[in-house]
Amino acid sequence: GTVAAAPGAAVTASVGGAAASLDDVVFGEVWLCSGQSNMAFLLENAFDGAAEARRADLFPAIRYATVAKVTADAPQADAPMRQNWSVGSSA
C-alpha cells in the first residue's frame, strides 16, 4: 500500500498572477469509514486504548477528520466537518 511521507509538504498552485498555498499536505490513501455504530466507539474505551492513544505521536503521517452526523434525503456534494483534518497527538 501507499505510505505517506512525513512531515507534510507545502504545496503551491498558481495561475497567472494568482497563487494559493497549503501547508502540511500529505499525499496517500484516504479511508472513509461510516455507517456503523462502532464508528462512534472511542479509542479510550477500547482494551488498552489509553496506551494506544499515548503512541499517537509515533505516527505523524496519519491524519484524521470527523464528519458531522447529518441526515439527507438525497446524495450530498459536500460533507459538513465536525473536525477538520488533523495530525494525531497523544496530548
N, C-alpha and C. Protein backbone atom coordinates (compact mmCIF):
# COMPACT_ATOMS: atom_id res chain seq x y z
N GLY A 1 0.81 -1.19 0.00
CA GLY A 1 0.00 0.00 0.00
C GLY A 1 0.84 1.25 0.00
N THR A 2 0.20 2.34 -0.20
CA THR A 2 0.87 3.62 -0.22
C THR A 2 1.14 4.09 1.20
N VAL A 3 2.34 4.54 1.46
CA VAL A 3 2.68 5.08 2.77
C VAL A 3 2.98 6.56 2.60
N ALA A 4 2.32 7.39 3.37
CA ALA A 4 2.52 8.83 3.29
C ALA A 4 3.89 9.19 3.83
N ALA A 5 4.50 10.20 3.22
CA ALA A 5 5.79 10.68 3.71
C ALA A 5 5.54 11.74 4.77
N ALA A 6 6.27 11.67 5.84
CA ALA A 6 6.14 12.67 6.91
C ALA A 6 7.44 13.45 6.97
N PRO A 7 7.48 14.67 7.26
CA PRO A 7 6.33 15.51 7.57
C PRO A 7 5.63 15.95 6.30
N GLY A 8 4.48 16.61 6.48
CA GLY A 8 3.72 17.10 5.34
C GLY A 8 4.50 18.17 4.59
N ALA A 9 4.18 18.30 3.32
CA ALA A 9 4.87 19.25 2.45
C ALA A 9 4.02 20.48 2.21
N ALA A 10 4.66 21.56 1.79
CA ALA A 10 3.95 22.76 1.36
C ALA A 10 3.67 22.61 -0.13
N VAL A 11 2.46 22.95 -0.55
CA VAL A 11 2.06 22.85 -1.95
C VAL A 11 1.53 24.20 -2.38
N THR A 12 2.03 24.68 -3.51
CA THR A 12 1.58 25.97 -4.05
C THR A 12 1.13 25.76 -5.49
N ALA A 13 -0.01 26.33 -5.81
CA ALA A 13 -0.54 26.30 -7.18
C ALA A 13 -0.71 27.74 -7.63
N SER A 14 -0.35 28.01 -8.87
CA SER A 14 -0.50 29.38 -9.37
C SER A 14 -1.02 29.37 -10.80
N VAL A 15 -1.84 30.36 -11.08
CA VAL A 15 -2.38 30.58 -12.42
C VAL A 15 -2.30 32.07 -12.66
N GLY A 16 -1.63 32.46 -13.73
CA GLY A 16 -1.46 33.89 -13.99
C GLY A 16 -0.74 34.54 -12.83
N GLY A 17 -1.34 35.56 -12.25
CA GLY A 17 -0.73 36.25 -11.12
C GLY A 17 -1.27 35.80 -9.77
N ALA A 18 -2.21 34.84 -9.76
CA ALA A 18 -2.81 34.38 -8.51
C ALA A 18 -2.15 33.08 -8.05
N ALA A 19 -1.96 32.97 -6.74
CA ALA A 19 -1.36 31.76 -6.18
C ALA A 19 -2.09 31.38 -4.89
N ALA A 20 -2.13 30.10 -4.62
CA ALA A 20 -2.72 29.60 -3.38
C ALA A 20 -1.76 28.55 -2.81
N SER A 21 -1.59 28.55 -1.48
CA SER A 21 -0.67 27.62 -0.84
C SER A 21 -1.37 26.86 0.28
N LEU A 22 -0.96 25.62 0.45
CA LEU A 22 -1.42 24.77 1.55
C LEU A 22 -0.19 24.25 2.27
N ASP A 23 -0.22 24.23 3.59
CA ASP A 23 0.89 23.71 4.37
C ASP A 23 0.54 22.35 4.95
N ASP A 24 1.55 21.56 5.24
CA ASP A 24 1.41 20.27 5.90
C ASP A 24 0.51 19.32 5.12
N VAL A 25 0.74 19.23 3.81
CA VAL A 25 -0.05 18.37 2.93
C VAL A 25 0.64 17.01 2.83
N VAL A 26 -0.15 15.95 2.95
CA VAL A 26 0.35 14.59 2.81
C VAL A 26 -0.42 13.92 1.68
N PHE A 27 0.29 13.25 0.80
CA PHE A 27 -0.34 12.53 -0.29
C PHE A 27 -0.34 11.05 0.04
N GLY A 28 -1.44 10.39 -0.19
CA GLY A 28 -1.53 8.96 0.10
C GLY A 28 -2.97 8.52 0.07
N GLU A 29 -3.24 7.40 0.70
CA GLU A 29 -4.58 6.84 0.72
C GLU A 29 -5.48 7.58 1.70
N VAL A 30 -6.76 7.64 1.37
CA VAL A 30 -7.78 8.18 2.27
C VAL A 30 -8.80 7.08 2.48
N TRP A 31 -9.01 6.72 3.72
CA TRP A 31 -10.00 5.69 4.05
C TRP A 31 -11.20 6.37 4.68
N LEU A 32 -12.37 6.13 4.14
CA LEU A 32 -13.60 6.67 4.68
C LEU A 32 -14.37 5.55 5.36
N CYS A 33 -14.77 5.76 6.59
CA CYS A 33 -15.49 4.76 7.36
C CYS A 33 -16.79 5.38 7.86
N SER A 34 -17.88 4.69 7.64
CA SER A 34 -19.16 5.24 8.09
C SER A 34 -20.20 4.15 8.19
N GLY A 35 -21.33 4.53 8.74
CA GLY A 35 -22.50 3.69 8.70
C GLY A 35 -22.67 2.70 9.82
N GLN A 36 -21.69 2.52 10.66
CA GLN A 36 -21.81 1.54 11.72
C GLN A 36 -21.73 2.24 13.08
N SER A 37 -22.45 1.71 14.04
CA SER A 37 -22.43 2.30 15.38
C SER A 37 -21.05 2.19 16.01
N ASN A 38 -20.25 1.19 15.60
CA ASN A 38 -18.92 1.07 16.20
C ASN A 38 -17.97 2.17 15.74
N MET A 39 -18.34 2.95 14.73
CA MET A 39 -17.50 4.07 14.29
C MET A 39 -17.51 5.19 15.33
N ALA A 40 -18.49 5.17 16.22
CA ALA A 40 -18.55 6.18 17.28
C ALA A 40 -17.84 5.72 18.54
N PHE A 41 -17.30 4.51 18.52
CA PHE A 41 -16.60 3.95 19.69
C PHE A 41 -15.27 4.67 19.86
N LEU A 42 -15.04 5.23 21.03
CA LEU A 42 -13.82 5.99 21.29
C LEU A 42 -12.64 5.07 21.62
N LEU A 43 -11.47 5.43 21.13
CA LEU A 43 -10.26 4.66 21.41
C LEU A 43 -10.04 4.51 22.91
N GLU A 44 -10.31 5.55 23.66
CA GLU A 44 -10.08 5.50 25.11
C GLU A 44 -10.92 4.42 25.80
N ASN A 45 -12.01 3.97 25.16
CA ASN A 45 -12.85 2.94 25.73
C ASN A 45 -12.45 1.52 25.31
N ALA A 46 -11.51 1.42 24.39
CA ALA A 46 -11.07 0.11 23.89
C ALA A 46 -10.09 -0.52 24.87
N PHE A 47 -9.91 -1.84 24.76
CA PHE A 47 -8.92 -2.54 25.57
C PHE A 47 -7.55 -1.93 25.28
N ASP A 48 -6.88 -1.48 26.30
CA ASP A 48 -5.55 -0.85 26.20
C ASP A 48 -5.58 0.44 25.36
N GLY A 49 -6.76 1.05 25.27
CA GLY A 49 -6.92 2.25 24.45
C GLY A 49 -6.07 3.42 24.92
N ALA A 50 -5.95 3.60 26.23
CA ALA A 50 -5.14 4.72 26.75
C ALA A 50 -3.68 4.57 26.32
N ALA A 51 -3.16 3.36 26.35
CA ALA A 51 -1.77 3.12 25.92
C ALA A 51 -1.61 3.39 24.43
N GLU A 52 -2.59 2.97 23.64
CA GLU A 52 -2.53 3.23 22.20
C GLU A 52 -2.60 4.73 21.91
N ALA A 53 -3.42 5.46 22.63
CA ALA A 53 -3.53 6.91 22.42
C ALA A 53 -2.20 7.59 22.74
N ARG A 54 -1.49 7.10 23.73
CA ARG A 54 -0.18 7.69 24.07
C ARG A 54 0.84 7.47 22.95
N ARG A 55 0.61 6.50 22.09
CA ARG A 55 1.52 6.21 20.99
C ARG A 55 1.23 7.04 19.73
N ALA A 56 0.22 7.88 19.75
CA ALA A 56 -0.18 8.63 18.55
C ALA A 56 0.95 9.47 17.98
N ASP A 57 1.83 9.99 18.82
CA ASP A 57 2.94 10.82 18.34
C ASP A 57 3.93 10.03 17.48
N LEU A 58 3.88 8.71 17.54
CA LEU A 58 4.78 7.87 16.75
C LEU A 58 4.36 7.76 15.29
N PHE A 59 3.18 8.30 14.96
CA PHE A 59 2.64 8.17 13.61
C PHE A 59 2.26 9.54 13.03
N PRO A 60 3.26 10.41 12.79
CA PRO A 60 2.96 11.77 12.33
C PRO A 60 2.37 11.85 10.92
N ALA A 61 2.47 10.78 10.15
CA ALA A 61 1.92 10.82 8.79
C ALA A 61 0.43 10.51 8.76
N ILE A 62 -0.12 10.04 9.87
CA ILE A 62 -1.55 9.73 9.90
C ILE A 62 -2.34 10.99 10.23
N ARG A 63 -3.31 11.28 9.41
CA ARG A 63 -4.20 12.42 9.62
C ARG A 63 -5.61 11.87 9.83
N TYR A 64 -6.45 12.62 10.50
CA TYR A 64 -7.84 12.18 10.68
C TYR A 64 -8.75 13.39 10.64
N ALA A 65 -10.00 13.12 10.33
CA ALA A 65 -11.03 14.17 10.30
C ALA A 65 -12.33 13.52 10.76
N THR A 66 -13.25 14.34 11.23
CA THR A 66 -14.55 13.83 11.65
C THR A 66 -15.64 14.60 10.91
N VAL A 67 -16.51 13.86 10.25
CA VAL A 67 -17.63 14.46 9.53
C VAL A 67 -18.83 14.50 10.46
N ALA A 68 -19.56 15.59 10.43
CA ALA A 68 -20.75 15.75 11.27
C ALA A 68 -21.81 14.73 10.89
N LYS A 69 -22.57 14.28 11.88
CA LYS A 69 -23.68 13.36 11.62
C LYS A 69 -24.86 14.16 11.09
N VAL A 70 -25.27 13.85 9.87
CA VAL A 70 -26.41 14.54 9.26
C VAL A 70 -27.29 13.51 8.56
N THR A 71 -28.53 13.88 8.36
CA THR A 71 -29.47 13.06 7.62
C THR A 71 -29.85 13.82 6.36
N ALA A 72 -29.91 13.12 5.24
CA ALA A 72 -30.28 13.77 3.98
C ALA A 72 -31.17 12.82 3.17
N ASP A 73 -32.08 13.39 2.41
CA ASP A 73 -32.97 12.60 1.57
C ASP A 73 -32.36 12.30 0.20
N ALA A 74 -31.22 12.94 -0.11
CA ALA A 74 -30.57 12.76 -1.40
C ALA A 74 -29.06 12.85 -1.20
N PRO A 75 -28.29 12.30 -2.15
CA PRO A 75 -26.83 12.41 -2.04
C PRO A 75 -26.39 13.87 -1.93
N GLN A 76 -25.35 14.09 -1.15
CA GLN A 76 -24.85 15.45 -0.90
C GLN A 76 -23.51 15.64 -1.60
N ALA A 77 -23.25 16.84 -2.11
CA ALA A 77 -21.99 17.16 -2.78
C ALA A 77 -20.87 17.42 -1.78
N ASP A 78 -21.24 17.82 -0.58
CA ASP A 78 -20.25 18.16 0.44
C ASP A 78 -20.67 17.54 1.76
N ALA A 79 -19.70 17.34 2.63
CA ALA A 79 -19.98 16.81 3.96
C ALA A 79 -19.57 17.86 4.99
N PRO A 80 -20.47 18.24 5.89
CA PRO A 80 -20.11 19.20 6.92
C PRO A 80 -19.11 18.59 7.89
N MET A 81 -18.04 19.28 8.16
CA MET A 81 -16.98 18.76 9.02
C MET A 81 -17.25 19.12 10.48
N ARG A 82 -17.10 18.14 11.37
CA ARG A 82 -17.14 18.39 12.80
C ARG A 82 -15.74 18.71 13.30
N GLN A 83 -14.75 18.08 12.67
CA GLN A 83 -13.34 18.36 12.97
C GLN A 83 -12.57 18.25 11.68
N ASN A 84 -11.84 19.30 11.31
CA ASN A 84 -11.06 19.30 10.09
C ASN A 84 -9.88 18.35 10.21
N TRP A 85 -9.23 18.07 9.09
CA TRP A 85 -8.07 17.18 9.07
C TRP A 85 -7.03 17.64 10.10
N SER A 86 -6.54 16.69 10.89
CA SER A 86 -5.59 16.98 11.95
C SER A 86 -4.55 15.89 12.03
N VAL A 87 -3.40 16.22 12.62
CA VAL A 87 -2.36 15.24 12.90
C VAL A 87 -2.69 14.62 14.25
N GLY A 88 -2.57 13.31 14.37
CA GLY A 88 -2.82 12.64 15.63
C GLY A 88 -1.85 13.12 16.70
N SER A 89 -2.31 13.15 17.93
CA SER A 89 -1.48 13.63 19.03
C SER A 89 -1.84 12.88 20.30
N SER A 90 -0.85 12.65 21.14
CA SER A 90 -1.10 12.00 22.41
C SER A 90 -1.53 13.00 23.48
N ALA A 91 -1.53 14.28 23.14
CA ALA A 91 -1.89 15.32 24.11
C ALA A 91 -3.37 15.32 24.42
